[in-house]
């Protein structure tokens, strides 16, 4: 990610245009996540952070999220069932209603998803 930031006119503070011509979708998502992480948050909320990314960029983003450490509360909405094991607590929703809630292990063992 660092070479991407170095190539931007104002580094991480570069304003990106809606057309996204400067960066690929994966680069835009990683830059947005870096900006959020750079503010040293206590809480970060991410909605489908890896949607539309190739497998390599997906893994990079998940590694960045994991790398936040235990002091940062993360609320992540995802359809990536394989990644729920990273969570302390999982909430499963269907049609806007909570249908299951608990630790990943509990939900996997109960076949809730």
N, C-alpha and C. Protein backbone atom coordinates (compact mmCIF):
# COMPACT_ATOMS: atom_id res chain seq x y z
N UNK A 1 0.82 -1.20 0.00
CA UNK A 1 0.00 0.00 0.00
C UNK A 1 0.86 1.25 0.00
N UNK A 2 2.00 1.23 0.63
CA UNK A 2 2.81 2.43 0.74
C UNK A 2 3.19 3.04 -0.61
N UNK A 3 3.58 2.21 -1.64
CA UNK A 3 3.89 2.83 -2.93
C UNK A 3 2.70 3.58 -3.52
N UNK A 4 1.50 3.10 -3.29
CA UNK A 4 0.30 3.78 -3.79
C UNK A 4 0.19 5.16 -3.15
N UNK A 5 0.38 5.23 -1.85
CA UNK A 5 0.27 6.50 -1.14
C UNK A 5 1.36 7.46 -1.60
N UNK A 6 2.58 6.96 -1.76
CA UNK A 6 3.68 7.81 -2.21
C UNK A 6 3.41 8.40 -3.58
N UNK A 7 2.70 7.68 -4.43
CA UNK A 7 2.43 8.15 -5.79
C UNK A 7 1.31 9.19 -5.86
N UNK A 8 0.54 9.33 -4.79
CA UNK A 8 -0.55 10.31 -4.79
C UNK A 8 0.00 11.71 -4.53
N UNK A 9 -0.58 12.74 -5.17
CA UNK A 9 -0.06 14.10 -5.03
C UNK A 9 0.05 14.59 -3.59
N UNK A 10 -0.94 14.28 -2.75
CA UNK A 10 -0.93 14.72 -1.35
C UNK A 10 -0.90 13.53 -0.39
N UNK A 11 -0.33 12.43 -0.86
CA UNK A 11 -0.23 11.25 -0.02
C UNK A 11 -1.60 10.75 0.42
N UNK A 12 -1.67 10.33 1.66
CA UNK A 12 -2.91 9.76 2.19
C UNK A 12 -4.05 10.78 2.24
N UNK A 13 -3.72 12.07 2.20
CA UNK A 13 -4.73 13.13 2.26
C UNK A 13 -5.27 13.52 0.88
N UNK A 14 -4.81 12.87 -0.18
CA UNK A 14 -5.28 13.18 -1.53
C UNK A 14 -6.79 12.96 -1.62
N UNK A 15 -7.49 13.95 -2.14
CA UNK A 15 -8.93 13.82 -2.37
C UNK A 15 -9.12 12.98 -3.63
N UNK A 16 -9.90 11.92 -3.51
CA UNK A 16 -10.15 11.06 -4.65
C UNK A 16 -11.44 11.47 -5.33
N UNK A 17 -11.43 11.46 -6.63
CA UNK A 17 -12.62 11.84 -7.40
C UNK A 17 -13.56 10.66 -7.49
N UNK A 18 -14.83 10.96 -7.65
CA UNK A 18 -15.85 9.93 -7.71
C UNK A 18 -15.58 8.93 -8.83
N UNK A 19 -15.02 9.41 -9.92
CA UNK A 19 -14.76 8.51 -11.05
C UNK A 19 -13.74 7.44 -10.70
N UNK A 20 -12.91 7.71 -9.71
CA UNK A 20 -11.95 6.72 -9.25
C UNK A 20 -10.84 6.42 -10.23
N UNK A 21 -10.58 7.33 -11.13
CA UNK A 21 -9.58 7.09 -12.16
C UNK A 21 -8.17 6.93 -11.59
N UNK A 22 -7.91 7.52 -10.44
CA UNK A 22 -6.57 7.48 -9.87
C UNK A 22 -6.21 6.09 -9.35
N UNK A 23 -7.17 5.37 -8.81
CA UNK A 23 -6.91 4.10 -8.15
C UNK A 23 -7.92 3.04 -8.56
N UNK A 24 -7.51 1.79 -8.42
CA UNK A 24 -8.44 0.68 -8.64
C UNK A 24 -9.40 0.60 -7.45
N UNK A 25 -10.43 -0.23 -7.57
CA UNK A 25 -11.37 -0.41 -6.47
C UNK A 25 -10.69 -0.93 -5.21
N UNK A 26 -9.78 -1.88 -5.38
CA UNK A 26 -9.06 -2.43 -4.24
C UNK A 26 -8.17 -1.39 -3.58
N UNK A 27 -7.52 -0.58 -4.39
CA UNK A 27 -6.66 0.47 -3.84
C UNK A 27 -7.49 1.51 -3.10
N UNK A 28 -8.65 1.86 -3.64
CA UNK A 28 -9.52 2.84 -2.99
C UNK A 28 -9.98 2.32 -1.62
N UNK A 29 -10.40 1.04 -1.57
CA UNK A 29 -10.85 0.47 -0.30
C UNK A 29 -9.72 0.42 0.72
N UNK A 30 -8.53 0.01 0.27
CA UNK A 30 -7.40 -0.05 1.20
C UNK A 30 -7.02 1.34 1.69
N UNK A 31 -7.05 2.32 0.81
CA UNK A 31 -6.73 3.69 1.21
C UNK A 31 -7.76 4.20 2.22
N UNK A 32 -9.04 3.93 1.98
CA UNK A 32 -10.09 4.35 2.91
C UNK A 32 -9.88 3.70 4.28
N UNK A 33 -9.52 2.42 4.28
CA UNK A 33 -9.28 1.72 5.54
C UNK A 33 -8.05 2.29 6.25
N UNK A 34 -7.00 2.57 5.49
CA UNK A 34 -5.81 3.19 6.08
C UNK A 34 -6.12 4.54 6.71
N UNK A 35 -6.96 5.32 6.04
CA UNK A 35 -7.35 6.61 6.60
C UNK A 35 -8.09 6.43 7.91
N UNK A 36 -9.00 5.46 7.95
CA UNK A 36 -9.76 5.20 9.18
C UNK A 36 -8.83 4.72 10.29
N UNK A 37 -7.93 3.81 9.97
CA UNK A 37 -7.00 3.28 10.96
C UNK A 37 -6.05 4.36 11.45
N UNK A 38 -5.64 5.23 10.54
CA UNK A 38 -4.69 6.29 10.87
C UNK A 38 -5.20 7.28 11.90
N UNK A 39 -6.51 7.32 12.08
CA UNK A 39 -7.08 8.24 13.07
C UNK A 39 -7.10 7.63 14.47
N UNK A 40 -6.49 6.45 14.62
CA UNK A 40 -6.44 5.74 15.91
C UNK A 40 -7.82 5.61 16.55
N UNK A 41 -8.76 4.96 15.87
CA UNK A 41 -10.12 4.88 16.39
C UNK A 41 -10.24 3.90 17.55
N UNK A 42 -11.24 4.14 18.39
CA UNK A 42 -11.64 3.16 19.40
C UNK A 42 -12.67 2.22 18.82
N UNK A 43 -13.36 2.70 17.77
CA UNK A 43 -14.43 1.95 17.12
C UNK A 43 -14.32 2.16 15.62
N UNK A 44 -14.47 1.08 14.87
CA UNK A 44 -14.50 1.19 13.41
C UNK A 44 -15.66 0.33 12.90
N UNK A 45 -16.47 0.91 12.03
CA UNK A 45 -17.62 0.21 11.46
C UNK A 45 -17.38 0.06 9.97
N UNK A 46 -17.43 -1.18 9.50
CA UNK A 46 -17.15 -1.47 8.10
C UNK A 46 -18.31 -2.25 7.49
N UNK A 47 -18.79 -1.81 6.36
CA UNK A 47 -19.88 -2.47 5.65
C UNK A 47 -19.33 -3.13 4.40
N UNK A 48 -19.31 -4.45 4.41
CA UNK A 48 -18.79 -5.24 3.28
C UNK A 48 -17.43 -4.72 2.81
N UNK A 49 -16.44 -4.71 3.69
CA UNK A 49 -15.15 -4.11 3.32
C UNK A 49 -14.41 -4.80 2.18
N UNK A 50 -14.78 -6.04 1.87
CA UNK A 50 -14.07 -6.75 0.80
C UNK A 50 -14.94 -7.01 -0.42
N UNK A 51 -16.15 -6.48 -0.43
CA UNK A 51 -17.04 -6.71 -1.58
C UNK A 51 -16.41 -6.16 -2.86
N UNK A 52 -16.43 -6.98 -3.89
CA UNK A 52 -15.93 -6.55 -5.19
C UNK A 52 -14.43 -6.59 -5.35
N UNK A 53 -13.72 -7.08 -4.34
CA UNK A 53 -12.26 -7.14 -4.43
C UNK A 53 -11.79 -8.52 -4.88
N UNK A 54 -10.64 -8.55 -5.54
CA UNK A 54 -10.06 -9.84 -5.92
C UNK A 54 -9.54 -10.52 -4.65
N UNK A 55 -9.29 -11.84 -4.69
CA UNK A 55 -8.87 -12.57 -3.49
C UNK A 55 -7.64 -11.99 -2.79
N UNK A 56 -6.68 -11.51 -3.55
CA UNK A 56 -5.47 -10.94 -2.94
C UNK A 56 -5.80 -9.68 -2.14
N UNK A 57 -6.61 -8.79 -2.72
CA UNK A 57 -7.00 -7.58 -2.01
C UNK A 57 -7.92 -7.89 -0.84
N UNK A 58 -8.77 -8.91 -0.98
CA UNK A 58 -9.63 -9.31 0.14
C UNK A 58 -8.77 -9.70 1.34
N UNK A 59 -7.77 -10.51 1.09
CA UNK A 59 -6.90 -10.97 2.18
C UNK A 59 -6.14 -9.80 2.80
N UNK A 60 -5.69 -8.87 1.97
CA UNK A 60 -4.99 -7.68 2.48
C UNK A 60 -5.90 -6.89 3.41
N UNK A 61 -7.14 -6.68 3.00
CA UNK A 61 -8.09 -5.91 3.82
C UNK A 61 -8.39 -6.65 5.12
N UNK A 62 -8.63 -7.97 5.06
CA UNK A 62 -8.90 -8.72 6.30
C UNK A 62 -7.69 -8.67 7.23
N UNK A 63 -6.49 -8.74 6.69
CA UNK A 63 -5.29 -8.64 7.52
C UNK A 63 -5.19 -7.27 8.19
N UNK A 64 -5.57 -6.23 7.46
CA UNK A 64 -5.56 -4.88 8.04
C UNK A 64 -6.57 -4.79 9.18
N UNK A 65 -7.75 -5.37 8.99
CA UNK A 65 -8.79 -5.34 10.02
C UNK A 65 -8.32 -6.11 11.25
N UNK A 66 -7.77 -7.30 11.02
CA UNK A 66 -7.25 -8.10 12.14
C UNK A 66 -6.13 -7.38 12.87
N UNK A 67 -5.31 -6.66 12.13
CA UNK A 67 -4.15 -5.98 12.70
C UNK A 67 -4.48 -4.79 13.58
N UNK A 68 -5.75 -4.43 13.66
CA UNK A 68 -6.15 -3.30 14.50
C UNK A 68 -5.89 -3.56 15.97
N UNK A 69 -5.86 -4.81 16.38
CA UNK A 69 -5.59 -5.14 17.77
C UNK A 69 -6.85 -5.19 18.62
N UNK A 70 -6.68 -5.63 19.84
CA UNK A 70 -7.81 -5.87 20.75
C UNK A 70 -8.41 -4.59 21.31
N UNK A 71 -7.71 -3.47 21.22
CA UNK A 71 -8.21 -2.23 21.79
C UNK A 71 -9.22 -1.52 20.89
N UNK A 72 -9.39 -2.00 19.67
CA UNK A 72 -10.30 -1.36 18.73
C UNK A 72 -11.53 -2.25 18.54
N UNK A 73 -12.70 -1.68 18.85
CA UNK A 73 -13.95 -2.40 18.61
C UNK A 73 -14.26 -2.32 17.13
N UNK A 74 -14.52 -3.48 16.53
CA UNK A 74 -14.83 -3.55 15.10
C UNK A 74 -16.23 -4.10 14.91
N UNK A 75 -17.02 -3.38 14.16
CA UNK A 75 -18.33 -3.87 13.74
C UNK A 75 -18.23 -4.02 12.23
N UNK A 76 -18.34 -5.27 11.78
CA UNK A 76 -18.13 -5.55 10.36
C UNK A 76 -19.35 -6.29 9.82
N UNK A 77 -19.98 -5.72 8.82
CA UNK A 77 -21.06 -6.40 8.10
C UNK A 77 -20.43 -7.12 6.92
N UNK A 78 -20.65 -8.43 6.84
CA UNK A 78 -20.07 -9.19 5.74
C UNK A 78 -20.92 -10.41 5.41
N UNK A 79 -20.83 -10.83 4.17
CA UNK A 79 -21.44 -12.09 3.75
C UNK A 79 -20.38 -13.19 3.70
N UNK A 80 -19.15 -12.87 4.07
CA UNK A 80 -18.03 -13.81 4.02
C UNK A 80 -18.05 -14.68 5.27
N UNK A 81 -18.78 -15.79 5.19
CA UNK A 81 -18.99 -16.67 6.34
C UNK A 81 -17.67 -17.22 6.87
N UNK A 82 -16.69 -17.43 6.00
CA UNK A 82 -15.40 -17.97 6.44
C UNK A 82 -14.69 -17.03 7.41
N UNK A 83 -14.99 -15.75 7.36
CA UNK A 83 -14.29 -14.78 8.20
C UNK A 83 -14.96 -14.55 9.55
N UNK A 84 -16.14 -15.11 9.78
CA UNK A 84 -16.80 -14.88 11.07
C UNK A 84 -16.01 -15.48 12.22
N UNK A 85 -15.16 -16.44 11.94
CA UNK A 85 -14.35 -17.05 12.99
C UNK A 85 -13.42 -16.03 13.64
N UNK A 86 -13.16 -14.92 12.95
CA UNK A 86 -12.30 -13.86 13.50
C UNK A 86 -13.02 -13.05 14.57
N UNK A 87 -14.33 -13.16 14.62
CA UNK A 87 -15.13 -12.32 15.52
C UNK A 87 -15.22 -12.91 16.92
N UNK A 88 -15.44 -12.03 17.89
CA UNK A 88 -15.76 -12.48 19.25
C UNK A 88 -17.24 -12.82 19.35
N UNK A 89 -18.04 -12.08 18.60
CA UNK A 89 -19.49 -12.24 18.64
C UNK A 89 -20.03 -12.03 17.23
N UNK A 90 -21.00 -12.85 16.85
CA UNK A 90 -21.59 -12.79 15.52
C UNK A 90 -23.10 -12.60 15.66
N UNK A 91 -23.64 -11.73 14.84
CA UNK A 91 -25.08 -11.53 14.76
C UNK A 91 -25.49 -11.89 13.34
N UNK A 92 -26.42 -12.81 13.21
CA UNK A 92 -26.91 -13.22 11.89
C UNK A 92 -28.29 -12.63 11.69
N UNK A 93 -28.44 -11.96 10.54
CA UNK A 93 -29.72 -11.31 10.24
C UNK A 93 -30.31 -11.89 8.96
N UNK A 94 -31.62 -11.92 8.91
CA UNK A 94 -32.34 -12.31 7.71
C UNK A 94 -33.53 -11.37 7.57
N UNK A 95 -33.61 -10.73 6.43
CA UNK A 95 -34.71 -9.80 6.13
C UNK A 95 -34.88 -8.75 7.23
N UNK A 96 -33.77 -8.25 7.74
CA UNK A 96 -33.80 -7.17 8.72
C UNK A 96 -34.01 -7.58 10.16
N UNK A 97 -34.12 -8.88 10.42
CA UNK A 97 -34.33 -9.36 11.79
C UNK A 97 -33.18 -10.24 12.23
N UNK A 98 -32.83 -10.14 13.51
CA UNK A 98 -31.79 -10.99 14.07
C UNK A 98 -32.35 -12.39 14.25
N UNK A 99 -31.66 -13.38 13.66
CA UNK A 99 -32.12 -14.77 13.80
C UNK A 99 -31.18 -15.61 14.66
N UNK A 100 -29.96 -15.12 14.90
CA UNK A 100 -29.02 -15.83 15.76
C UNK A 100 -27.95 -14.85 16.23
N UNK A 101 -27.43 -15.14 17.43
CA UNK A 101 -26.41 -14.27 18.01
C UNK A 101 -25.57 -15.10 18.97
N UNK A 102 -24.26 -14.93 18.91
CA UNK A 102 -23.39 -15.65 19.83
C UNK A 102 -21.97 -15.71 19.31
N UNK A 103 -21.17 -16.54 19.96
CA UNK A 103 -19.78 -16.71 19.51
C UNK A 103 -19.78 -17.48 18.20
N UNK A 104 -18.75 -17.30 17.38
CA UNK A 104 -18.69 -18.07 16.13
C UNK A 104 -18.77 -19.57 16.38
N UNK A 105 -18.05 -20.05 17.41
CA UNK A 105 -18.04 -21.48 17.70
C UNK A 105 -19.44 -21.98 18.05
N UNK A 106 -20.16 -21.22 18.87
CA UNK A 106 -21.52 -21.62 19.26
C UNK A 106 -22.42 -21.69 18.04
N UNK A 107 -22.33 -20.69 17.18
CA UNK A 107 -23.21 -20.66 16.02
C UNK A 107 -22.84 -21.73 15.00
N UNK A 108 -21.55 -22.00 14.84
CA UNK A 108 -21.13 -23.06 13.91
C UNK A 108 -21.61 -24.41 14.43
N UNK A 109 -21.46 -24.65 15.73
CA UNK A 109 -21.89 -25.92 16.32
C UNK A 109 -23.40 -26.10 16.28
N UNK A 110 -24.14 -24.99 16.32
CA UNK A 110 -25.60 -25.09 16.29
C UNK A 110 -26.13 -25.05 14.86
N UNK A 111 -25.22 -24.96 13.89
CA UNK A 111 -25.58 -24.91 12.46
C UNK A 111 -26.52 -23.75 12.15
N UNK A 112 -26.27 -22.62 12.81
CA UNK A 112 -27.12 -21.45 12.60
C UNK A 112 -26.88 -20.77 11.26
N UNK A 113 -25.76 -21.10 10.62
CA UNK A 113 -25.53 -20.51 9.30
C UNK A 113 -24.76 -21.41 8.40
